Amino acid sequence: MKRTATAQWKGAGIDGTGSLTTRSGAFQEQP
């Protein structure tokens, strides 16, 4: 079984914002 996730980060260092998504939606409920 192959699992994948995608991460995106915008901005510099701790001032940026980001998101992490998976096909299963495992991280949808995380702040």
PDB file of N, CA and C in Angstrom:
ATOM      1  N   MET A   1       0.849  -1.180   0.000  1.00  0.00           N
ATOM      2  CA  MET A   1       0.000   0.000   0.000  1.00  0.00           C
ATOM      3  C   MET A   1       0.889   1.237   0.000  1.00  0.00           C
ATOM      4  N   LYS A   2       0.547   2.179  -0.826  1.00  0.00           N
ATOM      5  CA  LYS A   2       1.323   3.411  -0.925  1.00  0.00           C
ATOM      6  C   LYS A   2       0.467   4.571  -0.425  1.00  0.00           C
ATOM      7  N   ARG A   3       1.006   5.339   0.513  1.00  0.00           N
ATOM      8  CA  ARG A   3       0.282   6.492   1.061  1.00  0.00           C
ATOM      9  C   ARG A   3       1.051   7.762   0.721  1.00  0.00           C
ATOM     10  N   THR A   4       0.315   8.794   0.399  1.00  0.00           N
ATOM     11  CA  THR A   4       0.958  10.058   0.052  1.00  0.00           C
ATOM     12  C   THR A   4       0.310  11.205   0.819  1.00  0.00           C
ATOM     13  N   ALA A   5       1.081  12.260   0.993  1.00  0.00           N
ATOM     14  CA  ALA A   5       0.591  13.480   1.625  1.00  0.00           C
ATOM     15  C   ALA A   5       1.211  14.658   0.890  1.00  0.00           C
ATOM     16  N   THR A   6       0.564  15.800   0.967  1.00  0.00           N
ATOM     17  CA  THR A   6       1.059  17.007   0.331  1.00  0.00           C
ATOM     18  C   THR A   6       1.158  18.114   1.371  1.00  0.00           C
ATOM     19  N   ALA A   7       2.298  18.788   1.394  1.00  0.00           N
ATOM     20  CA  ALA A   7       2.497  19.901   2.322  1.00  0.00           C
ATOM     21  C   ALA A   7       2.765  21.171   1.530  1.00  0.00           C
ATOM     22  N   GLN A   8       2.175  22.268   1.965  1.00  0.00           N
ATOM     23  CA  GLN A   8       2.413  23.567   1.347  1.00  0.00           C
ATOM     24  C   GLN A   8       2.736  24.569   2.445  1.00  0.00           C
ATOM     25  N   TRP A   9       3.753  25.396   2.220  1.00  0.00           N
ATOM     26  CA  TRP A   9       4.142  26.422   3.185  1.00  0.00           C
ATOM     27  C   TRP A   9       4.297  27.735   2.451  1.00  0.00           C
ATOM     28  N   LYS A  10       3.688  28.787   2.979  1.00  0.00           N
ATOM     29  CA  LYS A  10       3.794  30.119   2.382  1.00  0.00           C
ATOM     30  C   LYS A  10       4.312  31.076   3.434  1.00  0.00           C
ATOM     31  N   GLY A  11       5.330  31.827   3.096  1.00  0.00           N
ATOM     32  CA  GLY A  11       5.906  32.774   4.032  1.00  0.00           C
ATOM     33  C   GLY A  11       7.283  32.336   4.475  1.00  0.00           C
ATOM     34  N   ALA A  12       7.847  33.105   5.395  1.00  0.00           N
ATOM     35  CA  ALA A  12       9.205  32.847   5.863  1.00  0.00           C
ATOM     36  C   ALA A  12       9.191  32.358   7.306  1.00  0.00           C
ATOM     37  N   GLY A  13       9.813  31.225   7.546  1.00  0.00           N
ATOM     38  CA  GLY A  13       9.984  30.719   8.907  1.00  0.00           C
ATOM     39  C   GLY A  13       8.696  30.589   9.681  1.00  0.00           C
ATOM     40  N   ILE A  14       8.724  30.996  10.946  1.00  0.00           N
ATOM     41  CA  ILE A  14       7.554  30.845  11.813  1.00  0.00           C
ATOM     42  C   ILE A  14       6.445  31.837  11.485  1.00  0.00           C
ATOM     43  N   ASP A  15       6.729  32.827  10.646  1.00  0.00           N
ATOM     44  CA  ASP A  15       5.717  33.811  10.271  1.00  0.00           C
ATOM     45  C   ASP A  15       4.811  33.314   9.150  1.00  0.00           C
ATOM     46  N   GLY A  16       5.154  32.205   8.549  1.00  0.00           N
ATOM     47  CA  GLY A  16       4.377  31.681   7.434  1.00  0.00           C
ATOM     48  C   GLY A  16       3.190  30.854   7.891  1.00  0.00           C
ATOM     49  N   THR A  17       2.428  30.402   6.915  1.00  0.00           N
ATOM     50  CA  THR A  17       1.305  29.513   7.174  1.00  0.00           C
ATOM     51  C   THR A  17       1.418  28.317   6.241  1.00  0.00           C
ATOM     52  N   GLY A  18       0.857  27.218   6.658  1.00  0.00           N
ATOM     53  CA  GLY A  18       0.971  26.032   5.832  1.00  0.00           C
ATOM     54  C   GLY A  18      -0.202  25.098   6.002  1.00  0.00           C
ATOM     55  N   SER A  19      -0.224  24.080   5.146  1.00  0.00           N
ATOM     56  CA  SER A  19      -1.265  23.067   5.227  1.00  0.00           C
ATOM     57  C   SER A  19      -0.692  21.714   4.860  1.00  0.00           C
ATOM     58  N   LEU A  20      -1.309  20.677   5.403  1.00  0.00           N
ATOM     59  CA  LEU A  20      -0.910  19.303   5.125  1.00  0.00           C
ATOM     60  C   LEU A  20      -2.171  18.529   4.784  1.00  0.00           C
ATOM     61  N   THR A  21      -2.193  17.897   3.624  1.00  0.00           N
ATOM     62  CA  THR A  21      -3.368  17.152   3.207  1.00  0.00           C
ATOM     63  C   THR A  21      -2.998  15.717   2.860  1.00  0.00           C
ATOM     64  N   THR A  22      -3.946  14.832   3.089  1.00  0.00           N
ATOM     65  CA  THR A  22      -3.787  13.424   2.722  1.00  0.00           C
ATOM     66  C   THR A  22      -5.031  12.991   1.960  1.00  0.00           C
ATOM     67  N   ARG A  23      -4.920  11.939   1.200  1.00  0.00           N
ATOM     68  CA  ARG A  23      -6.072  11.432   0.453  1.00  0.00           C
ATOM     69  C   ARG A  23      -7.151  10.916   1.394  1.00  0.00           C
ATOM     70  N   SER A  24      -6.761  10.413   2.554  1.00  0.00           N
ATOM     71  CA  SER A  24      -7.735   9.871   3.502  1.00  0.00           C
ATOM     72  C   SER A  24      -8.420  10.965   4.318  1.00  0.00           C
ATOM     73  N   GLY A  25      -7.864  12.182   4.313  1.00  0.00           N
ATOM     74  CA  GLY A  25      -8.432  13.269   5.104  1.00  0.00           C
ATOM     75  C   GLY A  25      -8.052  13.197   6.566  1.00  0.00           C
ATOM     76  N   ALA A  26      -6.994  12.477   6.898  1.00  0.00           N
ATOM     77  CA  ALA A  26      -6.600  12.250   8.284  1.00  0.00           C
ATOM     78  C   ALA A  26      -6.292  13.539   9.047  1.00  0.00           C
ATOM     79  N   PHE A  27      -5.886  14.589   8.372  1.00  0.00           N
ATOM     80  CA  PHE A  27      -5.498  15.825   9.055  1.00  0.00           C
ATOM     81  C   PHE A  27      -6.547  16.929   8.948  1.00  0.00           C
ATOM     82  N   GLN A  28      -7.730  16.636   8.471  1.00  0.00           N
ATOM     83  CA  GLN A  28      -8.744  17.670   8.283  1.00  0.00           C
ATOM     84  C   GLN A  28      -9.202  18.306   9.585  1.00  0.00           C
ATOM     85  N   GLU A  29      -9.222  17.582  10.674  1.00  0.00           N
ATOM     86  CA  GLU A  29      -9.722  18.102  11.945  1.00  0.00           C
ATOM     87  C   GLU A  29      -8.647  18.775  12.787  1.00  0.00           C
ATOM     88  N   GLN A  30      -7.440  18.917  12.273  1.00  0.00           N
ATOM     89  CA  GLN A  30      -6.339  19.518  13.028  1.00  0.00           C
ATOM     90  C   GLN A  30      -6.331  21.031  12.837  1.00  0.00           C
ATOM     91  N   PRO A  31      -5.990  21.788  13.880  1.00  0.00           N
ATOM     92  CA  PRO A  31      -5.943  23.261  13.768  1.00  0.00           C
ATOM     93  C   PRO A  31      -4.769  23.733  12.933  1.00  0.00           C
TER      94      PRO A  31
END
